[in-house]
Amino acid sequence: MSITNHATGEIRALLCHHCNLLIGNAKESTDRLRLAITYLERHQSSHPAYQLAAKLGERLQTGTEET
């Protein structure tokens, strides 16, 4: 699945379905994503969303965009 820059229509990256939903539900807000990561880190859940958010958090910190 691709993620599109809604302002230009340009494809920014290829993402899996889950990552695309995660970013879309966060309204593309890095602040919302960081808050979600902080919440999950505090609660150390074994839920798959925790692993996904942890990976995203690592990528936000390192600047990696690939999924």
PDB file of N, CA and C in Angstrom:
ATOM      1  N   MET A   1       0.848  -1.160   0.000  1.00  0.00           N
ATOM      2  CA  MET A   1       0.000   0.000   0.000  1.00  0.00           C
ATOM      3  C   MET A   1       0.900   1.231   0.000  1.00  0.00           C
ATOM      4  N   SER A   2       0.469   2.264  -0.632  1.00  0.00           N
ATOM      5  CA  SER A   2       1.280   3.483  -0.667  1.00  0.00           C
ATOM      6  C   SER A   2       0.627   4.555   0.187  1.00  0.00           C
ATOM      7  N   ILE A   3       1.465   5.453   0.692  1.00  0.00           N
ATOM      8  CA  ILE A   3       0.959   6.607   1.430  1.00  0.00           C
ATOM      9  C   ILE A   3       1.223   7.835   0.579  1.00  0.00           C
ATOM     10  N   THR A   4       0.209   8.642   0.434  1.00  0.00           N
ATOM     11  CA  THR A   4       0.259   9.771  -0.482  1.00  0.00           C
ATOM     12  C   THR A   4       0.273  11.079   0.279  1.00  0.00           C
ATOM     13  N   ASN A   5       1.047  12.031  -0.243  1.00  0.00           N
ATOM     14  CA  ASN A   5       1.002  13.394   0.258  1.00  0.00           C
ATOM     15  C   ASN A   5      -0.307  13.976  -0.268  1.00  0.00           C
ATOM     16  N   HIS A   6      -1.244  14.232   0.630  1.00  0.00           N
ATOM     17  CA  HIS A   6      -2.572  14.668   0.193  1.00  0.00           C
ATOM     18  C   HIS A   6      -2.565  16.065  -0.427  1.00  0.00           C
ATOM     19  N   ALA A   7      -1.570  16.855  -0.136  1.00  0.00           N
ATOM     20  CA  ALA A   7      -1.482  18.199  -0.711  1.00  0.00           C
ATOM     21  C   ALA A   7      -1.031  18.147  -2.170  1.00  0.00           C
ATOM     22  N   THR A   8      -0.075  17.241  -2.484  1.00  0.00           N
ATOM     23  CA  THR A   8       0.482  17.190  -3.836  1.00  0.00           C
ATOM     24  C   THR A   8       0.037  15.980  -4.643  1.00  0.00           C
ATOM     25  N   GLY A   9      -0.501  14.951  -3.964  1.00  0.00           N
ATOM     26  CA  GLY A   9      -0.880  13.719  -4.655  1.00  0.00           C
ATOM     27  C   GLY A   9       0.311  12.805  -4.914  1.00  0.00           C
ATOM     28  N   GLU A  10       1.491  13.222  -4.497  1.00  0.00           N
ATOM     29  CA  GLU A  10       2.717  12.466  -4.718  1.00  0.00           C
ATOM     30  C   GLU A  10       2.820  11.299  -3.727  1.00  0.00           C
ATOM     31  N   ILE A  11       3.266  10.140  -4.217  1.00  0.00           N
ATOM     32  CA  ILE A  11       3.470   8.986  -3.339  1.00  0.00           C
ATOM     33  C   ILE A  11       4.727   9.218  -2.525  1.00  0.00           C
ATOM     34  N   ARG A  12       4.590   9.110  -1.185  1.00  0.00           N
ATOM     35  CA  ARG A  12       5.725   9.334  -0.291  1.00  0.00           C
ATOM     36  C   ARG A  12       6.474   8.050   0.017  1.00  0.00           C
ATOM     37  N   ALA A  13       5.756   6.952   0.214  1.00  0.00           N
ATOM     38  CA  ALA A  13       6.406   5.711   0.620  1.00  0.00           C
ATOM     39  C   ALA A  13       5.443   4.550   0.447  1.00  0.00           C
ATOM     40  N   LEU A  14       5.981   3.350   0.494  1.00  0.00           N
ATOM     41  CA  LEU A  14       5.157   2.152   0.506  1.00  0.00           C
ATOM     42  C   LEU A  14       5.041   1.672   1.943  1.00  0.00           C
ATOM     43  N   LEU A  15       3.813   1.400   2.371  1.00  0.00           N
ATOM     44  CA  LEU A  15       3.559   0.975   3.744  1.00  0.00           C
ATOM     45  C   LEU A  15       2.655  -0.244   3.745  1.00  0.00           C
ATOM     46  N   CYS A  16       2.759  -1.030   4.801  1.00  0.00           N
ATOM     47  CA  CYS A  16       1.807  -2.120   4.981  1.00  0.00           C
ATOM     48  C   CYS A  16       0.462  -1.518   5.414  1.00  0.00           C
ATOM     49  N   HIS A  17      -0.568  -2.316   5.337  1.00  0.00           N
ATOM     50  CA  HIS A  17      -1.921  -1.887   5.679  1.00  0.00           C
ATOM     51  C   HIS A  17      -1.993  -1.339   7.104  1.00  0.00           C
ATOM     52  N   HIS A  18      -1.371  -2.046   8.059  1.00  0.00           N
ATOM     53  CA  HIS A  18      -1.438  -1.645   9.463  1.00  0.00           C
ATOM     54  C   HIS A  18      -0.756  -0.299   9.707  1.00  0.00           C
ATOM     55  N   CYS A  19       0.402  -0.100   9.104  1.00  0.00           N
ATOM     56  CA  CYS A  19       1.111   1.177   9.268  1.00  0.00           C
ATOM     57  C   CYS A  19       0.321   2.320   8.647  1.00  0.00           C
ATOM     58  N   ASN A  20      -0.284   2.068   7.498  1.00  0.00           N
ATOM     59  CA  ASN A  20      -1.082   3.092   6.844  1.00  0.00           C
ATOM     60  C   ASN A  20      -2.261   3.495   7.727  1.00  0.00           C
ATOM     61  N   LEU A  21      -2.937   2.500   8.333  1.00  0.00           N
ATOM     62  CA  LEU A  21      -4.050   2.803   9.236  1.00  0.00           C
ATOM     63  C   LEU A  21      -3.569   3.573  10.463  1.00  0.00           C
ATOM     64  N   LEU A  22      -2.444   3.159  11.014  1.00  0.00           N
ATOM     65  CA  LEU A  22      -1.880   3.823  12.190  1.00  0.00           C
ATOM     66  C   LEU A  22      -1.624   5.305  11.912  1.00  0.00           C
ATOM     67  N   ILE A  23      -0.986   5.583  10.810  1.00  0.00           N
ATOM     68  CA  ILE A  23      -0.663   6.970  10.453  1.00  0.00           C
ATOM     69  C   ILE A  23      -1.932   7.754  10.126  1.00  0.00           C
ATOM     70  N   GLY A  24      -2.850   7.123   9.412  1.00  0.00           N
ATOM     71  CA  GLY A  24      -4.114   7.784   9.073  1.00  0.00           C
ATOM     72  C   GLY A  24      -4.944   8.100  10.301  1.00  0.00           C
ATOM     73  N   ASN A  25      -5.038   7.136  11.233  1.00  0.00           N
ATOM     74  CA  ASN A  25      -5.807   7.358  12.460  1.00  0.00           C
ATOM     75  C   ASN A  25      -5.177   8.427  13.342  1.00  0.00           C
ATOM     76  N   ALA A  26      -3.874   8.607  13.234  1.00  0.00           N
ATOM     77  CA  ALA A  26      -3.186   9.661  13.981  1.00  0.00           C
ATOM     78  C   ALA A  26      -3.266  10.994  13.241  1.00  0.00           C
ATOM     79  N   LYS A  27      -3.960  11.004  12.121  1.00  0.00           N
ATOM     80  CA  LYS A  27      -4.100  12.219  11.295  1.00  0.00           C
ATOM     81  C   LYS A  27      -2.734  12.779  10.900  1.00  0.00           C
ATOM     82  N   GLU A  28      -1.773  11.844  10.672  1.00  0.00           N
ATOM     83  CA  GLU A  28      -0.406  12.183  10.254  1.00  0.00           C
ATOM     84  C   GLU A  28       0.310  13.107  11.244  1.00  0.00           C
ATOM     85  N   SER A  29      -0.106  13.058  12.511  1.00  0.00           N
ATOM     86  CA  SER A  29       0.478  13.906  13.541  1.00  0.00           C
ATOM     87  C   SER A  29       1.566  13.141  14.287  1.00  0.00           C
ATOM     88  N   THR A  30       2.803  13.604  14.178  1.00  0.00           N
ATOM     89  CA  THR A  30       3.890  12.968  14.922  1.00  0.00           C
ATOM     90  C   THR A  30       3.696  13.157  16.420  1.00  0.00           C
ATOM     91  N   ASP A  31       3.055  14.241  16.833  1.00  0.00           N
ATOM     92  CA  ASP A  31       2.777  14.452  18.255  1.00  0.00           C
ATOM     93  C   ASP A  31       1.830  13.364  18.779  1.00  0.00           C
ATOM     94  N   ARG A  32       0.761  13.072  18.025  1.00  0.00           N
ATOM     95  CA  ARG A  32      -0.166  12.014  18.435  1.00  0.00           C
ATOM     96  C   ARG A  32       0.522  10.656  18.467  1.00  0.00           C
ATOM     97  N   LEU A  33       1.364  10.399  17.480  1.00  0.00           N
ATOM     98  CA  LEU A  33       2.074   9.120  17.447  1.00  0.00           C
ATOM     99  C   LEU A  33       3.032   8.998  18.626  1.00  0.00           C
ATOM    100  N   ARG A  34       3.734  10.079  18.956  1.00  0.00           N
ATOM    101  CA  ARG A  34       4.639  10.049  20.110  1.00  0.00           C
ATOM    102  C   ARG A  34       3.873   9.837  21.413  1.00  0.00           C
ATOM    103  N   LEU A  35       2.704  10.472  21.542  1.00  0.00           N
ATOM    104  CA  LEU A  35       1.877  10.266  22.736  1.00  0.00           C
ATOM    105  C   LEU A  35       1.424   8.812  22.835  1.00  0.00           C
ATOM    106  N   ALA A  36       1.053   8.221  21.703  1.00  0.00           N
ATOM    107  CA  ALA A  36       0.646   6.811  21.697  1.00  0.00           C
ATOM    108  C   ALA A  36       1.819   5.916  22.081  1.00  0.00           C
ATOM    109  N   ILE A  37       2.996   6.223  21.569  1.00  0.00           N
ATOM    110  CA  ILE A  37       4.194   5.448  21.905  1.00  0.00           C
ATOM    111  C   ILE A  37       4.487   5.558  23.396  1.00  0.00           C
ATOM    112  N   THR A  38       4.397   6.757  23.944  1.00  0.00           N
ATOM    113  CA  THR A  38       4.629   6.971  25.373  1.00  0.00           C
ATOM    114  C   THR A  38       3.640   6.159  26.202  1.00  0.00           C
ATOM    115  N   TYR A  39       2.372   6.184  25.816  1.00  0.00           N
ATOM    116  CA  TYR A  39       1.347   5.408  26.519  1.00  0.00           C
ATOM    117  C   TYR A  39       1.699   3.925  26.504  1.00  0.00           C
ATOM    118  N   LEU A  40       2.030   3.405  25.338  1.00  0.00           N
ATOM    119  CA  LEU A  40       2.344   1.979  25.227  1.00  0.00           C
ATOM    120  C   LEU A  40       3.603   1.609  25.994  1.00  0.00           C
ATOM    121  N   GLU A  41       4.595   2.491  25.985  1.00  0.00           N
ATOM    122  CA  GLU A  41       5.821   2.218  26.741  1.00  0.00           C
ATOM    123  C   GLU A  41       5.536   2.159  28.241  1.00  0.00           C
ATOM    124  N   ARG A  42       4.664   3.019  28.722  1.00  0.00           N
ATOM    125  CA  ARG A  42       4.316   3.022  30.145  1.00  0.00           C
ATOM    126  C   ARG A  42       3.618   1.739  30.563  1.00  0.00           C
ATOM    127  N   HIS A  43       2.822   1.200  29.663  1.00  0.00           N
ATOM    128  CA  HIS A  43       2.006   0.040  30.009  1.00  0.00           C
ATOM    129  C   HIS A  43       2.601  -1.283  29.519  1.00  0.00           C
ATOM    130  N   GLN A  44       3.689  -1.236  28.773  1.00  0.00           N
ATOM    131  CA  GLN A  44       4.430  -2.417  28.330  1.00  0.00           C
ATOM    132  C   GLN A  44       3.519  -3.588  27.963  1.00  0.00           C
ATOM    133  N   SER A  45       2.571  -3.336  27.106  1.00  0.00           N
ATOM    134  CA  SER A  45       1.629  -4.360  26.684  1.00  0.00           C
ATOM    135  C   SER A  45       2.280  -5.354  25.741  1.00  0.00           C
ATOM    136  N   SER A  46       1.768  -6.562  25.723  1.00  0.00           N
ATOM    137  CA  SER A  46       2.227  -7.560  24.753  1.00  0.00           C
ATOM    138  C   SER A  46       1.358  -7.519  23.502  1.00  0.00           C
ATOM    139  N   HIS A  47       0.413  -6.602  23.461  1.00  0.00           N
ATOM    140  CA  HIS A  47      -0.478  -6.452  22.312  1.00  0.00           C
ATOM    141  C   HIS A  47       0.341  -6.099  21.075  1.00  0.00           C
ATOM    142  N   PRO A  48      -0.040  -6.616  19.892  1.00  0.00           N
ATOM    143  CA  PRO A  48       0.704  -6.318  18.661  1.00  0.00           C
ATOM    144  C   PRO A  48       0.855  -4.822  18.389  1.00  0.00           C
ATOM    145  N   ALA A  49      -0.096  -4.015  18.851  1.00  0.00           N
ATOM    146  CA  ALA A  49       0.016  -2.569  18.641  1.00  0.00           C
ATOM    147  C   ALA A  49       1.239  -2.015  19.359  1.00  0.00           C
ATOM    148  N   TYR A  50       1.603  -2.635  20.480  1.00  0.00           N
ATOM    149  CA  TYR A  50       2.791  -2.187  21.197  1.00  0.00           C
ATOM    150  C   TYR A  50       4.037  -2.370  20.345  1.00  0.00           C
ATOM    151  N   GLN A  51       4.182  -3.570  19.761  1.00  0.00           N
ATOM    152  CA  GLN A  51       5.359  -3.823  18.936  1.00  0.00           C
ATOM    153  C   GLN A  51       5.399  -2.866  17.735  1.00  0.00           C
ATOM    154  N   LEU A  52       4.238  -2.612  17.114  1.00  0.00           N
ATOM    155  CA  LEU A  52       4.179  -1.708  15.974  1.00  0.00           C
ATOM    156  C   LEU A  52       4.557  -0.289  16.389  1.00  0.00           C
ATOM    157  N   ALA A  53       4.014   0.183  17.512  1.00  0.00           N
ATOM    158  CA  ALA A  53       4.330   1.531  17.979  1.00  0.00           C
ATOM    159  C   ALA A  53       5.795   1.638  18.383  1.00  0.00           C
ATOM    160  N   ALA A  54       6.329   0.585  18.984  1.00  0.00           N
ATOM    161  CA  ALA A  54       7.740   0.606  19.368  1.00  0.00           C
ATOM    162  C   ALA A  54       8.630   0.726  18.138  1.00  0.00           C
ATOM    163  N   LYS A  55       8.293  -0.026  17.083  1.00  0.00           N
ATOM    164  CA  LYS A  55       9.062   0.070  15.832  1.00  0.00           C
ATOM    165  C   LYS A  55       8.956   1.476  15.254  1.00  0.00           C
ATOM    166  N   LEU A  56       7.742   2.023  15.256  1.00  0.00           N
ATOM    167  CA  LEU A  56       7.542   3.367  14.718  1.00  0.00           C
ATOM    168  C   LEU A  56       8.333   4.378  15.536  1.00  0.00           C
ATOM    169  N   GLY A  57       8.339   4.216  16.856  1.00  0.00           N
ATOM    170  CA  GLY A  57       9.103   5.112  17.710  1.00  0.00           C
ATOM    171  C   GLY A  57      10.585   5.079  17.390  1.00  0.00           C
ATOM    172  N   GLU A  58      11.114   3.887  17.151  1.00  0.00           N
ATOM    173  CA  GLU A  58      12.522   3.753  16.776  1.00  0.00           C
ATOM    174  C   GLU A  58      12.780   4.471  15.456  1.00  0.00           C
ATOM    175  N   ARG A  59      11.869   4.323  14.520  1.00  0.00           N
ATOM    176  CA  ARG A  59      12.044   4.954  13.211  1.00  0.00           C
ATOM    177  C   ARG A  59      11.930   6.469  13.307  1.00  0.00           C
ATOM    178  N   LEU A  60      11.033   6.960  14.156  1.00  0.00           N
ATOM    179  CA  LEU A  60      10.911   8.412  14.341  1.00  0.00           C
ATOM    180  C   LEU A  60      12.212   8.969  14.926  1.00  0.00           C
ATOM    181  N   GLN A  61      12.818   8.224  15.852  1.00  0.00           N
ATOM    182  CA  GLN A  61      14.055   8.683  16.480  1.00  0.00           C
ATOM    183  C   GLN A  61      15.240   8.637  15.528  1.00  0.00           C
ATOM    184  N   THR A  62      15.260   7.622  14.625  1.00  0.00           N
ATOM    185  CA  THR A  62      16.400   7.479  13.728  1.00  0.00           C
ATOM    186  C   THR A  62      16.169   8.129  12.368  1.00  0.00           C
ATOM    187  N   GLY A  63      14.916   8.534  12.095  1.00  0.00           N
ATOM    188  CA  GLY A  63      14.616   9.153  10.812  1.00  0.00           C
ATOM    189  C   GLY A  63      14.398   8.153   9.696  1.00  0.00           C
ATOM    190  N   THR A  64      14.259   6.849  10.014  1.00  0.00           N
ATOM    191  CA  THR A  64      14.021   5.822   9.017  1.00  0.00           C
ATOM    192  C   THR A  64      12.566   5.863   8.604  1.00  0.00           C
ATOM    193  N   GLU A  65      12.300   5.803   7.281  1.00  0.00           N
ATOM    194  CA  GLU A  65      10.925   5.867   6.801  1.00  0.00           C
ATOM    195  C   GLU A  65      10.404   4.545   6.287  1.00  0.00           C
ATOM    196  N   GLU A  66      11.251   3.563   6.076  1.00  0.00           N
ATOM    197  CA  GLU A  66      10.809   2.297   5.504  1.00  0.00           C
ATOM    198  C   GLU A  66      10.016   1.491   6.488  1.00  0.00           C
ATOM    199  N   THR A  67       9.105   0.634   5.963  1.00  0.00           N
ATOM    200  CA  THR A  67       8.318  -0.273   6.796  1.00  0.00           C
ATOM    201  C   THR A  67       8.828  -1.676   6.634  1.00  0.00           C
TER     202      THR A  67
END
